């Protein structure tokens, strides 16, 4: 089985998100003075970390290929074909 970087990152992200959910569940039932702040921090991280990762992926997708000369021809680069049929 080939383990590429994307697969390892995805598994790590799942483990981290499950850790946030488990921590939130545990902090919800602890009756300690610091548990409320820990619960709030855990829920904040469980929401903002995936959003931040999504935004980073979106920006990387938009910026990919900028500043690099590509060999692909676009429709604007190709000359317009002249109408060869005459009446």
PDB file of N, CA and C in Angstrom:
ATOM      1  N   UNK A   1       0.855  -1.176   0.000  1.00  0.00           N
ATOM      2  CA  UNK A   1       0.000   0.000   0.000  1.00  0.00           C
ATOM      3  C   UNK A   1       0.900   1.238   0.000  1.00  0.00           C
ATOM      4  N   UNK A   2       0.637   2.114  -0.918  1.00  0.00           N
ATOM      5  CA  UNK A   2       1.436   3.325  -1.035  1.00  0.00           C
ATOM      6  C   UNK A   2       0.818   4.421  -0.165  1.00  0.00           C
ATOM      7  N   UNK A   3       1.603   4.954   0.764  1.00  0.00           N
ATOM      8  CA  UNK A   3       1.141   6.016   1.666  1.00  0.00           C
ATOM      9  C   UNK A   3       1.692   7.336   1.166  1.00  0.00           C
ATOM     10  N   UNK A   4       0.863   8.082   0.499  1.00  0.00           N
ATOM     11  CA  UNK A   4       1.331   9.386   0.040  1.00  0.00           C
ATOM     12  C   UNK A   4       1.020  10.455   1.095  1.00  0.00           C
ATOM     13  N   UNK A   5       1.538  11.639   0.859  1.00  0.00           N
ATOM     14  CA  UNK A   5       1.444  12.712   1.846  1.00  0.00           C
ATOM     15  C   UNK A   5      -0.005  13.142   2.096  1.00  0.00           C
ATOM     16  N   UNK A   6      -0.832  13.148   1.058  1.00  0.00           N
ATOM     17  CA  UNK A   6      -2.234  13.558   1.227  1.00  0.00           C
ATOM     18  C   UNK A   6      -2.991  12.581   2.131  1.00  0.00           C
ATOM     19  N   UNK A   7      -2.738  11.305   1.957  1.00  0.00           N
ATOM     20  CA  UNK A   7      -3.439  10.302   2.761  1.00  0.00           C
ATOM     21  C   UNK A   7      -3.024  10.409   4.230  1.00  0.00           C
ATOM     22  N   UNK A   8      -1.738  10.589   4.479  1.00  0.00           N
ATOM     23  CA  UNK A   8      -1.254  10.724   5.844  1.00  0.00           C
ATOM     24  C   UNK A   8      -1.821  11.995   6.483  1.00  0.00           C
ATOM     25  N   UNK A   9      -1.868  13.082   5.723  1.00  0.00           N
ATOM     26  CA  UNK A   9      -2.442  14.327   6.237  1.00  0.00           C
ATOM     27  C   UNK A   9      -3.922  14.195   6.537  1.00  0.00           C
ATOM     28  N   UNK A  10      -4.644  13.472   5.690  1.00  0.00           N
ATOM     29  CA  UNK A  10      -6.076  13.277   5.916  1.00  0.00           C
ATOM     30  C   UNK A  10      -6.330  12.442   7.174  1.00  0.00           C
ATOM     31  N   UNK A  11      -5.533  11.412   7.372  1.00  0.00           N
ATOM     32  CA  UNK A  11      -5.692  10.581   8.569  1.00  0.00           C
ATOM     33  C   UNK A  11      -5.346  11.385   9.821  1.00  0.00           C
ATOM     34  N   UNK A  12      -4.299  12.192   9.745  1.00  0.00           N
ATOM     35  CA  UNK A  12      -3.921  13.036  10.887  1.00  0.00           C
ATOM     36  C   UNK A  12      -5.015  14.055  11.195  1.00  0.00           C
ATOM     37  N   UNK A  13      -5.617  14.647  10.168  1.00  0.00           N
ATOM     38  CA  UNK A  13      -6.692  15.618  10.374  1.00  0.00           C
ATOM     39  C   UNK A  13      -7.908  14.959  11.023  1.00  0.00           C
ATOM     40  N   UNK A  14      -8.235  13.761  10.607  1.00  0.00           N
ATOM     41  CA  UNK A  14      -9.367  13.043  11.206  1.00  0.00           C
ATOM     42  C   UNK A  14      -9.095  12.759  12.679  1.00  0.00           C
ATOM     43  N   UNK A  15      -7.873  12.338  12.995  1.00  0.00           N
ATOM     44  CA  UNK A  15      -7.528  12.050  14.384  1.00  0.00           C
ATOM     45  C   UNK A  15      -7.606  13.310  15.242  1.00  0.00           C
ATOM     46  N   UNK A  16      -7.116  14.439  14.705  1.00  0.00           N
ATOM     47  CA  UNK A  16      -7.163  15.696  15.454  1.00  0.00           C
ATOM     48  C   UNK A  16      -8.608  16.141  15.678  1.00  0.00           C
ATOM     49  N   UNK A  17      -9.452  16.043  14.656  1.00  0.00           N
ATOM     50  CA  UNK A  17     -10.855  16.446  14.809  1.00  0.00           C
ATOM     51  C   UNK A  17     -11.605  15.535  15.773  1.00  0.00           C
ATOM     52  N   UNK A  18     -11.320  14.239  15.735  1.00  0.00           N
ATOM     53  CA  UNK A  18     -11.932  13.336  16.713  1.00  0.00           C
ATOM     54  C   UNK A  18     -11.430  13.646  18.122  1.00  0.00           C
ATOM     55  N   UNK A  19     -10.189  14.070  18.235  1.00  0.00           N
ATOM     56  CA  UNK A  19      -9.658  14.477  19.540  1.00  0.00           C
ATOM     57  C   UNK A  19     -10.369  15.705  20.074  1.00  0.00           C
ATOM     58  N   UNK A  20     -10.648  16.692  19.191  1.00  0.00           N
ATOM     59  CA  UNK A  20     -11.409  17.871  19.618  1.00  0.00           C
ATOM     60  C   UNK A  20     -12.801  17.480  20.091  1.00  0.00           C
ATOM     61  N   UNK A  21     -13.447  16.569  19.365  1.00  0.00           N
ATOM     62  CA  UNK A  21     -14.797  16.150  19.749  1.00  0.00           C
ATOM     63  C   UNK A  21     -14.779  15.392  21.073  1.00  0.00           C
ATOM     64  N   UNK A  22     -13.814  14.514  21.251  1.00  0.00           N
ATOM     65  CA  UNK A  22     -13.712  13.768  22.509  1.00  0.00           C
ATOM     66  C   UNK A  22     -13.407  14.707  23.677  1.00  0.00           C
ATOM     67  N   UNK A  23     -12.526  15.665  23.452  1.00  0.00           N
ATOM     68  CA  UNK A  23     -12.200  16.623  24.515  1.00  0.00           C
ATOM     69  C   UNK A  23     -13.425  17.453  24.885  1.00  0.00           C
ATOM     70  N   UNK A  24     -14.192  17.870  23.890  1.00  0.00           N
ATOM     71  CA  UNK A  24     -15.401  18.645  24.181  1.00  0.00           C
ATOM     72  C   UNK A  24     -16.396  17.818  24.989  1.00  0.00           C
ATOM     73  N   UNK A  25     -16.526  16.549  24.652  1.00  0.00           N
ATOM     74  CA  UNK A  25     -17.438  15.680  25.391  1.00  0.00           C
ATOM     75  C   UNK A  25     -16.972  15.493  26.833  1.00  0.00           C
ATOM     76  N   UNK A  26     -15.693  15.301  27.007  1.00  0.00           N
ATOM     77  CA  UNK A  26     -15.155  15.113  28.363  1.00  0.00           C
ATOM     78  C   UNK A  26     -15.289  16.399  29.171  1.00  0.00           C
ATOM     79  N   UNK A  27     -14.927  17.546  28.569  1.00  0.00           N
ATOM     80  CA  UNK A  27     -15.000  18.807  29.300  1.00  0.00           C
ATOM     81  C   UNK A  27     -16.438  19.203  29.627  1.00  0.00           C
ATOM     82  N   UNK A  28     -17.395  18.720  28.863  1.00  0.00           N
ATOM     83  CA  UNK A  28     -18.795  19.041  29.134  1.00  0.00           C
ATOM     84  C   UNK A  28     -19.276  18.399  30.432  1.00  0.00           C
ATOM     85  N   UNK A  29     -18.695  17.257  30.813  1.00  0.00           N
ATOM     86  CA  UNK A  29     -19.148  16.552  32.003  1.00  0.00           C
ATOM     87  C   UNK A  29     -18.264  16.782  33.222  1.00  0.00           C
ATOM     88  N   UNK A  30     -17.150  17.468  33.067  1.00  0.00           N
ATOM     89  CA  UNK A  30     -16.271  17.732  34.211  1.00  0.00           C
ATOM     90  C   UNK A  30     -16.803  18.940  34.974  1.00  0.00           C
ATOM     91  N   UNK A  31     -16.865  18.785  36.287  1.00  0.00           N
ATOM     92  CA  UNK A  31     -17.319  19.883  37.134  1.00  0.00           C
ATOM     93  C   UNK A  31     -16.113  20.508  37.828  1.00  0.00           C
ATOM     94  N   UNK A  32     -15.375  21.267  37.029  1.00  0.00           N
ATOM     95  CA  UNK A  32     -14.185  21.949  37.550  1.00  0.00           C
ATOM     96  C   UNK A  32     -14.257  23.407  37.107  1.00  0.00           C
ATOM     97  N   UNK A  33     -13.572  24.305  37.818  1.00  0.00           N
ATOM     98  CA  UNK A  33     -13.650  25.725  37.442  1.00  0.00           C
ATOM     99  C   UNK A  33     -13.052  26.024  36.071  1.00  0.00           C
ATOM    100  N   UNK A  34     -12.120  25.228  35.609  1.00  0.00           N
ATOM    101  CA  UNK A  34     -11.474  25.481  34.322  1.00  0.00           C
ATOM    102  C   UNK A  34     -12.141  24.737  33.171  1.00  0.00           C
ATOM    103  N   UNK A  35     -13.109  23.879  33.466  1.00  0.00           N
ATOM    104  CA  UNK A  35     -13.713  23.032  32.432  1.00  0.00           C
ATOM    105  C   UNK A  35     -14.522  23.839  31.419  1.00  0.00           C
ATOM    106  N   UNK A  36     -15.165  24.925  31.863  1.00  0.00           N
ATOM    107  CA  UNK A  36     -15.963  25.741  30.940  1.00  0.00           C
ATOM    108  C   UNK A  36     -15.081  26.387  29.875  1.00  0.00           C
ATOM    109  N   UNK A  37     -13.929  26.927  30.303  1.00  0.00           N
ATOM    110  CA  UNK A  37     -13.009  27.539  29.339  1.00  0.00           C
ATOM    111  C   UNK A  37     -12.413  26.487  28.410  1.00  0.00           C
ATOM    112  N   UNK A  38     -12.104  25.308  28.943  1.00  0.00           N
ATOM    113  CA  UNK A  38     -11.548  24.237  28.120  1.00  0.00           C
ATOM    114  C   UNK A  38     -12.584  23.742  27.106  1.00  0.00           C
ATOM    115  N   UNK A  39     -13.843  23.672  27.530  1.00  0.00           N
ATOM    116  CA  UNK A  39     -14.904  23.283  26.601  1.00  0.00           C
ATOM    117  C   UNK A  39     -15.060  24.304  25.488  1.00  0.00           C
ATOM    118  N   UNK A  40     -15.036  25.568  25.837  1.00  0.00           N
ATOM    119  CA  UNK A  40     -15.159  26.624  24.830  1.00  0.00           C
ATOM    120  C   UNK A  40     -13.990  26.589  23.847  1.00  0.00           C
ATOM    121  N   UNK A  41     -12.790  26.387  24.367  1.00  0.00           N
ATOM    122  CA  UNK A  41     -11.615  26.320  23.496  1.00  0.00           C
ATOM    123  C   UNK A  41     -11.678  25.112  22.575  1.00  0.00           C
ATOM    124  N   UNK A  42     -12.135  23.990  23.097  1.00  0.00           N
ATOM    125  CA  UNK A  42     -12.231  22.779  22.289  1.00  0.00           C
ATOM    126  C   UNK A  42     -13.268  22.935  21.172  1.00  0.00           C
ATOM    127  N   UNK A  43     -14.418  23.498  21.496  1.00  0.00           N
ATOM    128  CA  UNK A  43     -15.443  23.714  20.474  1.00  0.00           C
ATOM    129  C   UNK A  43     -14.992  24.748  19.441  1.00  0.00           C
ATOM    130  N   UNK A  44     -14.300  25.791  19.892  1.00  0.00           N
ATOM    131  CA  UNK A  44     -13.774  26.791  18.969  1.00  0.00           C
ATOM    132  C   UNK A  44     -12.801  26.155  17.977  1.00  0.00           C
ATOM    133  N   UNK A  45     -11.897  25.328  18.498  1.00  0.00           N
ATOM    134  CA  UNK A  45     -10.929  24.668  17.616  1.00  0.00           C
ATOM    135  C   UNK A  45     -11.601  23.663  16.688  1.00  0.00           C
ATOM    136  N   UNK A  46     -12.625  22.979  17.178  1.00  0.00           N
ATOM    137  CA  UNK A  46     -13.320  21.997  16.343  1.00  0.00           C
ATOM    138  C   UNK A  46     -14.040  22.665  15.175  1.00  0.00           C
ATOM    139  N   UNK A  47     -14.392  23.936  15.315  1.00  0.00           N
ATOM    140  CA  UNK A  47     -15.068  24.653  14.238  1.00  0.00           C
ATOM    141  C   UNK A  47     -14.079  25.393  13.353  1.00  0.00           C
ATOM    142  N   UNK A  48     -13.121  26.075  13.943  1.00  0.00           N
ATOM    143  CA  UNK A  48     -12.250  26.946  13.148  1.00  0.00           C
ATOM    144  C   UNK A  48     -11.133  26.204  12.412  1.00  0.00           C
ATOM    145  N   UNK A  49     -10.632  25.119  12.970  1.00  0.00           N
ATOM    146  CA  UNK A  49      -9.539  24.398  12.295  1.00  0.00           C
ATOM    147  C   UNK A  49      -9.987  23.854  10.928  1.00  0.00           C
ATOM    148  N   UNK A  50     -11.130  23.172  10.801  1.00  0.00           N
ATOM    149  CA  UNK A  50     -11.539  22.722   9.470  1.00  0.00           C
ATOM    150  C   UNK A  50     -11.833  23.875   8.509  1.00  0.00           C
ATOM    151  N   UNK A  51     -12.394  24.959   9.022  1.00  0.00           N
ATOM    152  CA  UNK A  51     -12.659  26.118   8.162  1.00  0.00           C
ATOM    153  C   UNK A  51     -11.352  26.716   7.659  1.00  0.00           C
ATOM    154  N   UNK A  52     -10.365  26.831   8.546  1.00  0.00           N
ATOM    155  CA  UNK A  52      -9.068  27.364   8.167  1.00  0.00           C
ATOM    156  C   UNK A  52      -8.384  26.467   7.139  1.00  0.00           C
ATOM    157  N   UNK A  53      -8.456  25.156   7.317  1.00  0.00           N
ATOM    158  CA  UNK A  53      -7.871  24.222   6.348  1.00  0.00           C
ATOM    159  C   UNK A  53      -8.568  24.344   5.003  1.00  0.00           C
ATOM    160  N   UNK A  54      -9.894  24.457   5.004  1.00  0.00           N
ATOM    161  CA  UNK A  54     -10.638  24.624   3.759  1.00  0.00           C
ATOM    162  C   UNK A  54     -10.233  25.913   3.047  1.00  0.00           C
ATOM    163  N   UNK A  55     -10.097  26.999   3.794  1.00  0.00           N
ATOM    164  CA  UNK A  55      -9.692  28.267   3.186  1.00  0.00           C
ATOM    165  C   UNK A  55      -8.280  28.185   2.616  1.00  0.00           C
ATOM    166  N   UNK A  56      -7.377  27.503   3.313  1.00  0.00           N
ATOM    167  CA  UNK A  56      -6.016  27.335   2.793  1.00  0.00           C
ATOM    168  C   UNK A  56      -6.023  26.530   1.500  1.00  0.00           C
ATOM    169  N   UNK A  57      -6.848  25.495   1.435  1.00  0.00           N
ATOM    170  CA  UNK A  57      -6.938  24.695   0.206  1.00  0.00           C
ATOM    171  C   UNK A  57      -7.537  25.509  -0.932  1.00  0.00           C
ATOM    172  N   UNK A  58      -8.513  26.348  -0.614  1.00  0.00           N
ATOM    173  CA  UNK A  58      -9.139  27.190  -1.632  1.00  0.00           C
ATOM    174  C   UNK A  58      -8.148  28.211  -2.180  1.00  0.00           C
ATOM    175  N   UNK A  59      -7.381  28.839  -1.306  1.00  0.00           N
ATOM    176  CA  UNK A  59      -6.385  29.816  -1.747  1.00  0.00           C
ATOM    177  C   UNK A  59      -5.293  29.120  -2.562  1.00  0.00           C
ATOM    178  N   UNK A  60      -4.866  27.939  -2.139  1.00  0.00           N
ATOM    179  CA  UNK A  60      -3.843  27.205  -2.887  1.00  0.00           C
ATOM    180  C   UNK A  60      -4.344  26.832  -4.272  1.00  0.00           C
ATOM    181  N   UNK A  61      -5.628  26.487  -4.378  1.00  0.00           N
ATOM    182  CA  UNK A  61      -6.203  26.142  -5.677  1.00  0.00           C
ATOM    183  C   UNK A  61      -6.249  27.359  -6.591  1.00  0.00           C
ATOM    184  N   UNK A  62      -6.584  28.514  -6.038  1.00  0.00           N
ATOM    185  CA  UNK A  62      -6.666  29.737  -6.837  1.00  0.00           C
ATOM    186  C   UNK A  62      -5.273  30.192  -7.266  1.00  0.00           C
ATOM    187  N   UNK A  63      -4.305  30.107  -6.367  1.00  0.00           N
ATOM    188  CA  UNK A  63      -2.966  30.611  -6.657  1.00  0.00           C
ATOM    189  C   UNK A  63      -2.080  29.622  -7.402  1.00  0.00           C
ATOM    190  N   UNK A  64      -2.523  28.381  -7.555  1.00  0.00           N
ATOM    191  CA  UNK A  64      -1.704  27.374  -8.209  1.00  0.00           C
ATOM    192  C   UNK A  64      -1.455  27.769  -9.671  1.00  0.00           C
ATOM    193  N   UNK A  65      -0.224  27.756 -10.054  1.00  0.00           N
ATOM    194  CA  UNK A  65       0.114  28.031 -11.441  1.00  0.00           C
ATOM    195  C   UNK A  65       0.403  29.491 -11.733  1.00  0.00           C
ATOM    196  N   UNK A  66       0.222  30.384 -10.784  1.00  0.00           N
ATOM    197  CA  UNK A  66       0.524  31.794 -11.044  1.00  0.00           C
ATOM    198  C   UNK A  66       2.028  31.995 -11.066  1.00  0.00           C
ATOM    199  N   UNK A  67       2.492  32.795 -11.998  1.00  0.00           N
ATOM    200  CA  UNK A  67       3.914  33.084 -12.101  1.00  0.00           C
ATOM    201  C   UNK A  67       4.694  32.028 -12.856  1.00  0.00           C
ATOM    202  N   UNK A  68       4.012  31.021 -13.348  1.00  0.00           N
ATOM    203  CA  UNK A  68       4.659  29.959 -14.098  1.00  0.00           C
ATOM    204  C   UNK A  68       4.151  30.014 -15.523  1.00  0.00           C
ATOM    205  N   UNK A  69       5.062  30.033 -16.478  1.00  0.00           N
ATOM    206  CA  UNK A  69       4.647  30.028 -17.883  1.00  0.00           C
ATOM    207  C   UNK A  69       4.186  28.632 -18.243  1.00  0.00           C
ATOM    208  N   UNK A  70       2.964  28.517 -18.655  1.00  0.00           N
ATOM    209  CA  UNK A  70       2.452  27.208 -19.023  1.00  0.00           C
ATOM    210  C   UNK A  70       2.504  27.062 -20.538  1.00  0.00           C
ATOM    211  N   UNK A  71       2.642  25.830 -20.973  1.00  0.00           N
ATOM    212  CA  UNK A  71       2.699  25.543 -22.402  1.00  0.00           C
ATOM    213  C   UNK A  71       1.314  25.369 -22.994  1.00  0.00           C
ATOM    214  N   UNK A  72       0.306  25.424 -22.169  1.00  0.00           N
ATOM    215  CA  UNK A  72      -1.051  25.253 -22.658  1.00  0.00           C
ATOM    216  C   UNK A  72      -1.485  26.491 -23.428  1.00  0.00           C
ATOM    217  N   UNK A  73      -2.114  26.264 -24.553  1.00  0.00           N
ATOM    218  CA  UNK A  73      -2.643  27.366 -25.354  1.00  0.00           C
ATOM    219  C   UNK A  73      -4.099  27.578 -24.972  1.00  0.00           C
ATOM    220  N   UNK A  74      -4.446  28.796 -24.754  1.00  0.00           N
ATOM    221  CA  UNK A  74      -5.840  29.119 -24.469  1.00  0.00           C
ATOM    222  C   UNK A  74      -6.503  29.603 -25.744  1.00  0.00           C
ATOM    223  N   UNK A  75      -7.781  29.819 -25.685  1.00  0.00           N
ATOM    224  CA  UNK A  75      -8.510  30.301 -26.856  1.00  0.00           C
ATOM    225  C   UNK A  75      -8.060  31.705 -27.249  1.00  0.00           C
ATOM    226  N   UNK A  76      -7.618  32.488 -26.294  1.00  0.00           N
ATOM    227  CA  UNK A  76      -7.179  33.848 -26.596  1.00  0.00           C
ATOM    228  C   UNK A  76      -5.811  33.868 -27.273  1.00  0.00           C
ATOM    229  N   UNK A  77      -4.992  32.825 -27.031  1.00  0.00           N
ATOM    230  CA  UNK A  77      -3.662  32.783 -27.611  1.00  0.00           C
ATOM    231  C   UNK A  77      -3.665  32.356 -29.080  1.00  0.00           C
ATOM    232  N   UNK A  78      -4.688  31.612 -29.486  1.00  0.00           N
ATOM    233  CA  UNK A  78      -4.698  31.087 -30.842  1.00  0.00           C
ATOM    234  C   UNK A  78      -5.326  32.088 -31.795  1.00  0.00           C
ATOM    235  N   UNK A  79      -4.751  32.215 -32.996  1.00  0.00           N
ATOM    236  CA  UNK A  79      -5.317  33.155 -33.963  1.00  0.00           C
ATOM    237  C   UNK A  79      -6.698  32.708 -34.431  1.00  0.00           C
ATOM    238  N   UNK A  80      -7.495  33.685 -34.749  1.00  0.00           N
ATOM    239  CA  UNK A  80      -8.836  33.403 -35.225  1.00  0.00           C
ATOM    240  C   UNK A  80      -8.777  32.856 -36.652  1.00  0.00           C
ATOM    241  N   UNK A  81      -9.556  31.827 -36.902  1.00  0.00           N
ATOM    242  CA  UNK A  81      -9.599  31.241 -38.256  1.00  0.00           C
ATOM    243  C   UNK A  81     -10.429  32.163 -39.141  1.00  0.00           C
ATOM    244  N   UNK A  82      -9.888  32.399 -40.339  1.00  0.00           N
ATOM    245  CA  UNK A  82     -10.603  33.250 -41.278  1.00  0.00           C
ATOM    246  C   UNK A  82     -11.640  32.431 -42.017  1.00  0.00           C
ATOM    247  N   UNK A  83     -12.683  33.094 -42.382  1.00  0.00           N
ATOM    248  CA  UNK A  83     -13.752  32.441 -43.108  1.00  0.00           C
ATOM    249  C   UNK A  83     -13.264  32.170 -44.530  1.00  0.00           C
ATOM    250  N   UNK A  84     -13.066  30.883 -44.858  1.00  0.00           N
ATOM    251  CA  UNK A  84     -12.512  30.551 -46.168  1.00  0.00           C
ATOM    252  C   UNK A  84     -13.564  30.396 -47.243  1.00  0.00           C
ATOM    253  N   UNK A  85     -14.815  30.338 -46.849  1.00  0.00           N
ATOM    254  CA  UNK A  85     -15.855  30.184 -47.890  1.00  0.00           C
ATOM    255  C   UNK A  85     -16.253  31.561 -48.400  1.00  0.00           C
ATOM    256  N   UNK A  86     -16.177  31.713 -49.701  1.00  0.00           N
ATOM    257  CA  UNK A  86     -16.542  32.984 -50.341  1.00  0.00           C
ATOM    258  C   UNK A  86     -17.756  32.760 -51.212  1.00  0.00           C
ATOM    259  N   UNK A  87     -18.569  33.771 -51.330  1.00  0.00           N
ATOM    260  CA  UNK A  87     -19.776  33.674 -52.153  1.00  0.00           C
ATOM    261  C   UNK A  87     -19.518  34.148 -53.549  1.00  0.00           C
TER     262      UNK A  87
END
